[in-house]
Amino acid sequence: MKKQLLAAMIAGTFASPTFAATTYAIEAAANDETFVINGEVFEAKLYCLGWDRGDQVIFLSGSPLGICVSAELFNITRNDTCRVWCE
């Protein structure tokens, strides 16, 4: 049983796809609610407290091109997520 479990874990490790998410810097930030990322404006649904210019983010959902209704961002610098509207 232990050998089967170990084999399944190893197979899962090698069978899992790996990818690198593209990171983007916050180019401008105002009042914890408006952000310019990748040349596009995003408006916080509530507030992204403490998020500032230079912080590195990845898009968990939505589009860095602003072609979306909303997006969820993960701030790598602050280890925090925030939901935003795409402008």
PDB file of N, CA and C in Angstrom:
ATOM      1  N   MET A   1       0.826  -1.183   0.000  1.00  0.00           N
ATOM      2  CA  MET A   1       0.000   0.000   0.000  1.00  0.00           C
ATOM      3  C   MET A   1       0.878   1.257   0.000  1.00  0.00           C
ATOM      4  N   LYS A   2       1.923   1.259   0.817  1.00  0.00           N
ATOM      5  CA  LYS A   2       2.800   2.424   0.891  1.00  0.00           C
ATOM      6  C   LYS A   2       3.518   2.650  -0.436  1.00  0.00           C
ATOM      7  N   LYS A   3       3.919   1.552  -1.090  1.00  0.00           N
ATOM      8  CA  LYS A   3       4.605   1.672  -2.369  1.00  0.00           C
ATOM      9  C   LYS A   3       3.670   2.249  -3.430  1.00  0.00           C
ATOM     10  N   GLN A   4       2.404   1.843  -3.408  1.00  0.00           N
ATOM     11  CA  GLN A   4       1.437   2.354  -4.376  1.00  0.00           C
ATOM     12  C   GLN A   4       1.193   3.844  -4.160  1.00  0.00           C
ATOM     13  N   LEU A   5       1.077   4.244  -2.909  1.00  0.00           N
ATOM     14  CA  LEU A   5       0.875   5.649  -2.589  1.00  0.00           C
ATOM     15  C   LEU A   5       2.081   6.478  -3.025  1.00  0.00           C
ATOM     16  N   LEU A   6       3.266   6.004  -2.736  1.00  0.00           N
ATOM     17  CA  LEU A   6       4.490   6.695  -3.139  1.00  0.00           C
ATOM     18  C   LEU A   6       4.579   6.796  -4.654  1.00  0.00           C
ATOM     19  N   ALA A   7       4.258   5.722  -5.366  1.00  0.00           N
ATOM     20  CA  ALA A   7       4.291   5.734  -6.829  1.00  0.00           C
ATOM     21  C   ALA A   7       3.281   6.727  -7.389  1.00  0.00           C
ATOM     22  N   ALA A   8       2.097   6.801  -6.785  1.00  0.00           N
ATOM     23  CA  ALA A   8       1.075   7.747  -7.237  1.00  0.00           C
ATOM     24  C   ALA A   8       1.527   9.183  -7.009  1.00  0.00           C
ATOM     25  N   MET A   9       2.181   9.433  -5.876  1.00  0.00           N
ATOM     26  CA  MET A   9       2.662  10.777  -5.574  1.00  0.00           C
ATOM     27  C   MET A   9       3.753  11.190  -6.562  1.00  0.00           C
ATOM     28  N   ILE A  10       4.652  10.287  -6.864  1.00  0.00           N
ATOM     29  CA  ILE A  10       5.733  10.580  -7.807  1.00  0.00           C
ATOM     30  C   ILE A  10       5.166  10.794  -9.205  1.00  0.00           C
ATOM     31  N   ALA A  11       4.241   9.951  -9.620  1.00  0.00           N
ATOM     32  CA  ALA A  11       3.632  10.089 -10.943  1.00  0.00           C
ATOM     33  C   ALA A  11       2.887  11.413 -11.047  1.00  0.00           C
ATOM     34  N   GLY A  12       2.183  11.802  -9.984  1.00  0.00           N
ATOM     35  CA  GLY A  12       1.466  13.067  -9.985  1.00  0.00           C
ATOM     36  C   GLY A  12       2.399  14.253 -10.081  1.00  0.00           C
ATOM     37  N   THR A  13       3.556  14.146  -9.473  1.00  0.00           N
ATOM     38  CA  THR A  13       4.531  15.227  -9.523  1.00  0.00           C
ATOM     39  C   THR A  13       5.043  15.439 -10.935  1.00  0.00           C
ATOM     40  N   PHE A  14       5.348  14.366 -11.631  1.00  0.00           N
ATOM     41  CA  PHE A  14       5.892  14.480 -12.980  1.00  0.00           C
ATOM     42  C   PHE A  14       4.815  14.723 -14.033  1.00  0.00           C
ATOM     43  N   ALA A  15       3.564  14.322 -13.745  1.00  0.00           N
ATOM     44  CA  ALA A  15       2.491  14.494 -14.719  1.00  0.00           C
ATOM     45  C   ALA A  15       1.852  15.874 -14.643  1.00  0.00           C
ATOM     46  N   SER A  16       2.089  16.606 -13.541  1.00  0.00           N
ATOM     47  CA  SER A  16       1.473  17.918 -13.373  1.00  0.00           C
ATOM     48  C   SER A  16       2.106  18.927 -14.308  1.00  0.00           C
ATOM     49  N   PRO A  17       1.266  19.699 -15.002  1.00  0.00           N
ATOM     50  CA  PRO A  17       1.833  20.746 -15.861  1.00  0.00           C
ATOM     51  C   PRO A  17       2.416  21.867 -15.006  1.00  0.00           C
ATOM     52  N   THR A  18       3.496  22.416 -15.462  1.00  0.00           N
ATOM     53  CA  THR A  18       4.091  23.546 -14.750  1.00  0.00           C
ATOM     54  C   THR A  18       4.066  24.751 -15.666  1.00  0.00           C
ATOM     55  N   PHE A  19       3.879  25.904 -15.078  1.00  0.00           N
ATOM     56  CA  PHE A  19       3.880  27.131 -15.847  1.00  0.00           C
ATOM     57  C   PHE A  19       4.346  28.256 -14.941  1.00  0.00           C
ATOM     58  N   ALA A  20       4.799  29.298 -15.540  1.00  0.00           N
ATOM     59  CA  ALA A  20       5.216  30.476 -14.792  1.00  0.00           C
ATOM     60  C   ALA A  20       4.234  31.593 -15.103  1.00  0.00           C
ATOM     61  N   ALA A  21       3.623  32.130 -14.076  1.00  0.00           N
ATOM     62  CA  ALA A  21       2.696  33.235 -14.266  1.00  0.00           C
ATOM     63  C   ALA A  21       3.495  34.499 -14.578  1.00  0.00           C
ATOM     64  N   THR A  22       2.949  35.311 -15.464  1.00  0.00           N
ATOM     65  CA  THR A  22       3.591  36.577 -15.794  1.00  0.00           C
ATOM     66  C   THR A  22       3.335  37.569 -14.675  1.00  0.00           C
ATOM     67  N   THR A  23       4.372  38.219 -14.221  1.00  0.00           N
ATOM     68  CA  THR A  23       4.225  39.235 -13.184  1.00  0.00           C
ATOM     69  C   THR A  23       4.202  40.619 -13.818  1.00  0.00           C
ATOM     70  N   TYR A  24       3.461  41.508 -13.179  1.00  0.00           N
ATOM     71  CA  TYR A  24       3.335  42.884 -13.630  1.00  0.00           C
ATOM     72  C   TYR A  24       3.584  43.803 -12.445  1.00  0.00           C
ATOM     73  N   ALA A  25       4.211  44.929 -12.698  1.00  0.00           N
ATOM     74  CA  ALA A  25       4.414  45.927 -11.656  1.00  0.00           C
ATOM     75  C   ALA A  25       3.251  46.904 -11.658  1.00  0.00           C
ATOM     76  N   ILE A  26       2.835  47.316 -10.469  1.00  0.00           N
ATOM     77  CA  ILE A  26       1.854  48.387 -10.385  1.00  0.00           C
ATOM     78  C   ILE A  26       2.587  49.665 -10.774  1.00  0.00           C
ATOM     79  N   GLU A  27       2.133  50.285 -11.846  1.00  0.00           N
ATOM     80  CA  GLU A  27       2.803  51.476 -12.386  1.00  0.00           C
ATOM     81  C   GLU A  27       2.389  52.744 -11.655  1.00  0.00           C
ATOM     82  N   ALA A  28       1.149  52.772 -11.167  1.00  0.00           N
ATOM     83  CA  ALA A  28       0.643  53.907 -10.397  1.00  0.00           C
ATOM     84  C   ALA A  28      -0.466  53.403  -9.493  1.00  0.00           C
ATOM     85  N   ALA A  29      -0.622  54.034  -8.331  1.00  0.00           N
ATOM     86  CA  ALA A  29      -1.661  53.649  -7.379  1.00  0.00           C
ATOM     87  C   ALA A  29      -2.196  54.914  -6.711  1.00  0.00           C
ATOM     88  N   ALA A  30      -3.511  54.945  -6.481  1.00  0.00           N
ATOM     89  CA  ALA A  30      -4.131  56.085  -5.816  1.00  0.00           C
ATOM     90  C   ALA A  30      -5.180  55.609  -4.819  1.00  0.00           C
ATOM     91  N   ASN A  31      -5.040  56.034  -3.573  1.00  0.00           N
ATOM     92  CA  ASN A  31      -6.051  55.830  -2.523  1.00  0.00           C
ATOM     93  C   ASN A  31      -6.441  54.376  -2.283  1.00  0.00           C
ATOM     94  N   ASP A  32      -5.534  53.438  -2.478  1.00  0.00           N
ATOM     95  CA  ASP A  32      -5.812  52.010  -2.254  1.00  0.00           C
ATOM     96  C   ASP A  32      -6.949  51.479  -3.122  1.00  0.00           C
ATOM     97  N   GLU A  33      -7.295  52.221  -4.222  1.00  0.00           N
ATOM     98  CA  GLU A  33      -8.426  51.762  -5.015  1.00  0.00           C
ATOM     99  C   GLU A  33      -8.261  51.883  -6.521  1.00  0.00           C
ATOM    100  N   THR A  34      -7.349  52.674  -7.011  1.00  0.00           N
ATOM    101  CA  THR A  34      -7.143  52.803  -8.453  1.00  0.00           C
ATOM    102  C   THR A  34      -5.697  52.453  -8.781  1.00  0.00           C
ATOM    103  N   PHE A  35      -5.528  51.555  -9.769  1.00  0.00           N
ATOM    104  CA  PHE A  35      -4.196  51.063 -10.100  1.00  0.00           C
ATOM    105  C   PHE A  35      -3.987  51.050 -11.605  1.00  0.00           C
ATOM    106  N   VAL A  36      -2.799  51.405 -12.015  1.00  0.00           N
ATOM    107  CA  VAL A  36      -2.414  51.260 -13.413  1.00  0.00           C
ATOM    108  C   VAL A  36      -1.442  50.096 -13.479  1.00  0.00           C
ATOM    109  N   ILE A  37      -1.830  49.071 -14.238  1.00  0.00           N
ATOM    110  CA  ILE A  37      -1.016  47.864 -14.399  1.00  0.00           C
ATOM    111  C   ILE A  37      -0.988  47.548 -15.887  1.00  0.00           C
ATOM    112  N   ASN A  38       0.182  47.365 -16.432  1.00  0.00           N
ATOM    113  CA  ASN A  38       0.332  47.050 -17.846  1.00  0.00           C
ATOM    114  C   ASN A  38      -0.323  48.123 -18.732  1.00  0.00           C
ATOM    115  N   GLY A  39      -0.280  49.369 -18.254  1.00  0.00           N
ATOM    116  CA  GLY A  39      -0.849  50.478 -19.006  1.00  0.00           C
ATOM    117  C   GLY A  39      -2.367  50.573 -18.954  1.00  0.00           C
ATOM    118  N   GLU A  40      -3.015  49.710 -18.167  1.00  0.00           N
ATOM    119  CA  GLU A  40      -4.477  49.679 -18.058  1.00  0.00           C
ATOM    120  C   GLU A  40      -4.905  50.086 -16.656  1.00  0.00           C
ATOM    121  N   VAL A  41      -6.092  50.687 -16.542  1.00  0.00           N
ATOM    122  CA  VAL A  41      -6.609  51.137 -15.254  1.00  0.00           C
ATOM    123  C   VAL A  41      -7.527  50.072 -14.667  1.00  0.00           C
ATOM    124  N   PHE A  42      -7.328  49.772 -13.380  1.00  0.00           N
ATOM    125  CA  PHE A  42      -8.148  48.826 -12.644  1.00  0.00           C
ATOM    126  C   PHE A  42      -8.626  49.515 -11.366  1.00  0.00           C
ATOM    127  N   GLU A  43      -9.905  49.317 -11.039  1.00  0.00           N
ATOM    128  CA  GLU A  43     -10.529  49.957  -9.879  1.00  0.00           C
ATOM    129  C   GLU A  43     -10.903  48.882  -8.860  1.00  0.00           C
ATOM    130  N   ALA A  44     -10.447  49.033  -7.609  1.00  0.00           N
ATOM    131  CA  ALA A  44     -10.743  48.044  -6.575  1.00  0.00           C
ATOM    132  C   ALA A  44     -12.242  47.950  -6.325  1.00  0.00           C
ATOM    133  N   LYS A  45     -12.736  46.739  -6.136  1.00  0.00           N
ATOM    134  CA  LYS A  45     -14.151  46.566  -5.806  1.00  0.00           C
ATOM    135  C   LYS A  45     -14.425  47.107  -4.405  1.00  0.00           C
ATOM    136  N   LEU A  46     -13.509  46.922  -3.494  1.00  0.00           N
ATOM    137  CA  LEU A  46     -13.567  47.532  -2.166  1.00  0.00           C
ATOM    138  C   LEU A  46     -12.298  48.373  -2.021  1.00  0.00           C
ATOM    139  N   TYR A  47     -11.300  47.849  -1.356  1.00  0.00           N
ATOM    140  CA  TYR A  47      -9.996  48.503  -1.247  1.00  0.00           C
ATOM    141  C   TYR A  47      -8.916  47.437  -1.304  1.00  0.00           C
ATOM    142  N   CYS A  48      -7.783  47.793  -1.849  1.00  0.00           N
ATOM    143  CA  CYS A  48      -6.593  46.935  -1.833  1.00  0.00           C
ATOM    144  C   CYS A  48      -5.614  47.652  -0.896  1.00  0.00           C
ATOM    145  N   LEU A  49      -5.826  47.454   0.387  1.00  0.00           N
ATOM    146  CA  LEU A  49      -5.101  48.231   1.393  1.00  0.00           C
ATOM    147  C   LEU A  49      -3.591  48.039   1.331  1.00  0.00           C
ATOM    148  N   GLY A  50      -2.892  49.150   1.216  1.00  0.00           N
ATOM    149  CA  GLY A  50      -1.437  49.137   1.224  1.00  0.00           C
ATOM    150  C   GLY A  50      -0.783  48.863  -0.115  1.00  0.00           C
ATOM    151  N   TRP A  51      -1.564  48.552  -1.139  1.00  0.00           N
ATOM    152  CA  TRP A  51      -0.984  48.274  -2.453  1.00  0.00           C
ATOM    153  C   TRP A  51      -0.421  49.563  -3.007  1.00  0.00           C
ATOM    154  N   ASP A  52       0.784  49.488  -3.557  1.00  0.00           N
ATOM    155  CA  ASP A  52       1.474  50.704  -3.966  1.00  0.00           C
ATOM    156  C   ASP A  52       2.263  50.504  -5.255  1.00  0.00           C
ATOM    157  N   ARG A  53       2.666  51.602  -5.814  1.00  0.00           N
ATOM    158  CA  ARG A  53       3.493  51.601  -7.023  1.00  0.00           C
ATOM    159  C   ARG A  53       4.729  50.731  -6.799  1.00  0.00           C
ATOM    160  N   GLY A  54       5.041  49.905  -7.782  1.00  0.00           N
ATOM    161  CA  GLY A  54       6.213  49.038  -7.695  1.00  0.00           C
ATOM    162  C   GLY A  54       5.918  47.640  -7.189  1.00  0.00           C
ATOM    163  N   ASP A  55       4.765  47.450  -6.526  1.00  0.00           N
ATOM    164  CA  ASP A  55       4.401  46.104  -6.069  1.00  0.00           C
ATOM    165  C   ASP A  55       4.253  45.192  -7.290  1.00  0.00           C
ATOM    166  N   GLN A  56       4.622  43.938  -7.141  1.00  0.00           N
ATOM    167  CA  GLN A  56       4.527  42.945  -8.213  1.00  0.00           C
ATOM    168  C   GLN A  56       3.243  42.143  -8.042  1.00  0.00           C
ATOM    169  N   VAL A  57       2.455  42.032  -9.128  1.00  0.00           N
ATOM    170  CA  VAL A  57       1.193  41.306  -9.073  1.00  0.00           C
ATOM    171  C   VAL A  57       1.099  40.296 -10.211  1.00  0.00           C
ATOM    172  N   ILE A  58       0.254  39.286 -10.009  1.00  0.00           N
ATOM    173  CA  ILE A  58      -0.114  38.372 -11.086  1.00  0.00           C
ATOM    174  C   ILE A  58      -1.640  38.354 -11.170  1.00  0.00           C
ATOM    175  N   PHE A  59      -2.150  38.052 -12.343  1.00  0.00           N
ATOM    176  CA  PHE A  59      -3.590  37.961 -12.556  1.00  0.00           C
ATOM    177  C   PHE A  59      -4.033  36.531 -12.315  1.00  0.00           C
ATOM    178  N   LEU A  60      -4.878  36.332 -11.295  1.00  0.00           N
ATOM    179  CA  LEU A  60      -5.445  35.015 -11.032  1.00  0.00           C
ATOM    180  C   LEU A  60      -6.643  34.787 -11.945  1.00  0.00           C
ATOM    181  N   SER A  61      -7.321  35.882 -12.290  1.00  0.00           N
ATOM    182  CA  SER A  61      -8.423  35.841 -13.254  1.00  0.00           C
ATOM    183  C   SER A  61      -8.483  37.205 -13.920  1.00  0.00           C
ATOM    184  N   GLY A  62      -9.201  37.290 -15.025  1.00  0.00           N
ATOM    185  CA  GLY A  62      -9.272  38.554 -15.752  1.00  0.00           C
ATOM    186  C   GLY A  62      -8.099  38.700 -16.704  1.00  0.00           C
ATOM    187  N   SER A  63      -7.969  39.891 -17.259  1.00  0.00           N
ATOM    188  CA  SER A  63      -6.959  40.116 -18.293  1.00  0.00           C
ATOM    189  C   SER A  63      -6.068  41.306 -17.970  1.00  0.00           C
ATOM    190  N   PRO A  64      -4.748  41.133 -18.084  1.00  0.00           N
ATOM    191  CA  PRO A  64      -3.839  42.268 -17.896  1.00  0.00           C
ATOM    192  C   PRO A  64      -3.974  43.301 -19.008  1.00  0.00           C
ATOM    193  N   LEU A  65      -4.716  42.957 -20.051  1.00  0.00           N
ATOM    194  CA  LEU A  65      -4.959  43.900 -21.141  1.00  0.00           C
ATOM    195  C   LEU A  65      -6.209  44.744 -20.887  1.00  0.00           C
ATOM    196  N   GLY A  66      -6.871  44.501 -19.759  1.00  0.00           N
ATOM    197  CA  GLY A  66      -8.064  45.259 -19.413  1.00  0.00           C
ATOM    198  C   GLY A  66      -9.306  44.785 -20.137  1.00  0.00           C
ATOM    199  N   ILE A  67      -9.211  43.664 -20.838  1.00  0.00           N
ATOM    200  CA  ILE A  67     -10.343  43.127 -21.594  1.00  0.00           C
ATOM    201  C   ILE A  67     -11.106  42.167 -20.680  1.00  0.00           C
ATOM    202  N   CYS A  68     -11.824  42.734 -19.718  1.00  0.00           N
ATOM    203  CA  CYS A  68     -12.559  41.931 -18.757  1.00  0.00           C
ATOM    204  C   CYS A  68     -13.546  42.836 -18.018  1.00  0.00           C
ATOM    205  N   VAL A  69     -14.462  42.221 -17.315  1.00  0.00           N
ATOM    206  CA  VAL A  69     -15.376  42.971 -16.458  1.00  0.00           C
ATOM    207  C   VAL A  69     -14.729  43.148 -15.093  1.00  0.00           C
ATOM    208  N   SER A  70     -14.155  42.063 -14.596  1.00  0.00           N
ATOM    209  CA  SER A  70     -13.458  42.119 -13.315  1.00  0.00           C
ATOM    210  C   SER A  70     -12.273  41.166 -13.346  1.00  0.00           C
ATOM    211  N   ALA A  71     -11.411  41.316 -12.349  1.00  0.00           N
ATOM    212  CA  ALA A  71     -10.214  40.480 -12.260  1.00  0.00           C
ATOM    213  C   ALA A  71      -9.873  40.268 -10.786  1.00  0.00           C
ATOM    214  N   GLU A  72      -9.119  39.207 -10.534  1.00  0.00           N
ATOM    215  CA  GLU A  72      -8.580  38.980  -9.199  1.00  0.00           C
ATOM    216  C   GLU A  72      -7.069  39.001  -9.320  1.00  0.00           C
ATOM    217  N   LEU A  73      -6.452  39.830  -8.505  1.00  0.00           N
ATOM    218  CA  LEU A  73      -5.001  40.003  -8.537  1.00  0.00           C
ATOM    219  C   LEU A  73      -4.374  39.436  -7.277  1.00  0.00           C
ATOM    220  N   PHE A  74      -3.188  38.876  -7.426  1.00  0.00           N
ATOM    221  CA  PHE A  74      -2.395  38.446  -6.274  1.00  0.00           C
ATOM    222  C   PHE A  74      -1.162  39.328  -6.213  1.00  0.00           C
ATOM    223  N   ASN A  75      -1.010  40.037  -5.110  1.00  0.00           N
ATOM    224  CA  ASN A  75       0.137  40.916  -4.905  1.00  0.00           C
ATOM    225  C   ASN A  75       1.261  40.088  -4.275  1.00  0.00           C
ATOM    226  N   ILE A  76       2.281  39.797  -5.059  1.00  0.00           N
ATOM    227  CA  ILE A  76       3.409  38.983  -4.597  1.00  0.00           C
ATOM    228  C   ILE A  76       4.173  39.715  -3.500  1.00  0.00           C
ATOM    229  N   THR A  77       4.307  41.019  -3.632  1.00  0.00           N
ATOM    230  CA  THR A  77       5.047  41.823  -2.663  1.00  0.00           C
ATOM    231  C   THR A  77       4.408  41.748  -1.282  1.00  0.00           C
ATOM    232  N   ARG A  78       3.070  41.791  -1.227  1.00  0.00           N
ATOM    233  CA  ARG A  78       2.343  41.843   0.050  1.00  0.00           C
ATOM    234  C   ARG A  78       1.656  40.534   0.422  1.00  0.00           C
ATOM    235  N   ASN A  79       1.762  39.523  -0.461  1.00  0.00           N
ATOM    236  CA  ASN A  79       1.124  38.223  -0.220  1.00  0.00           C
ATOM    237  C   ASN A  79      -0.373  38.409   0.078  1.00  0.00           C
ATOM    238  N   ASP A  80      -1.063  39.106  -0.843  1.00  0.00           N
ATOM    239  CA  ASP A  80      -2.452  39.473  -0.628  1.00  0.00           C
ATOM    240  C   ASP A  80      -3.195  39.443  -1.964  1.00  0.00           C
ATOM    241  N   THR A  81      -4.494  39.175  -1.929  1.00  0.00           N
ATOM    242  CA  THR A  81      -5.302  39.217  -3.137  1.00  0.00           C
ATOM    243  C   THR A  81      -6.295  40.369  -3.063  1.00  0.00           C
ATOM    244  N   CYS A  82      -6.747  40.796  -4.238  1.00  0.00           N
ATOM    245  CA  CYS A  82      -7.721  41.868  -4.312  1.00  0.00           C
ATOM    246  C   CYS A  82      -8.539  41.704  -5.583  1.00  0.00           C
ATOM    247  N   ARG A  83      -9.819  42.012  -5.500  1.00  0.00           N
ATOM    248  CA  ARG A  83     -10.707  41.957  -6.666  1.00  0.00           C
ATOM    249  C   ARG A  83     -10.888  43.367  -7.200  1.00  0.00           C
ATOM    250  N   VAL A  84     -10.791  43.471  -8.506  1.00  0.00           N
ATOM    251  CA  VAL A  84     -10.852  44.791  -9.145  1.00  0.00           C
ATOM    252  C   VAL A  84     -11.806  44.772 -10.331  1.00  0.00           C
ATOM    253  N   TRP A  85     -12.267  45.962 -10.705  1.00  0.00           N
ATOM    254  CA  TRP A  85     -13.020  46.144 -11.934  1.00  0.00           C
ATOM    255  C   TRP A  85     -12.052  46.511 -13.028  1.00  0.00           C
ATOM    256  N   CYS A  86     -12.279  46.029 -14.217  1.00  0.00           N
ATOM    257  CA  CYS A  86     -11.463  46.403 -15.368  1.00  0.00           C
ATOM    258  C   CYS A  86     -12.113  47.638 -15.986  1.00  0.00           C
ATOM    259  N   GLU A  87     -11.347  48.679 -16.191  1.00  0.00           N
ATOM    260  CA  GLU A  87     -11.899  49.934 -16.727  1.00  0.00           C
ATOM    261  C   GLU A  87     -11.894  49.927 -18.240  1.00  0.00           C
TER     262      GLU A  87
END
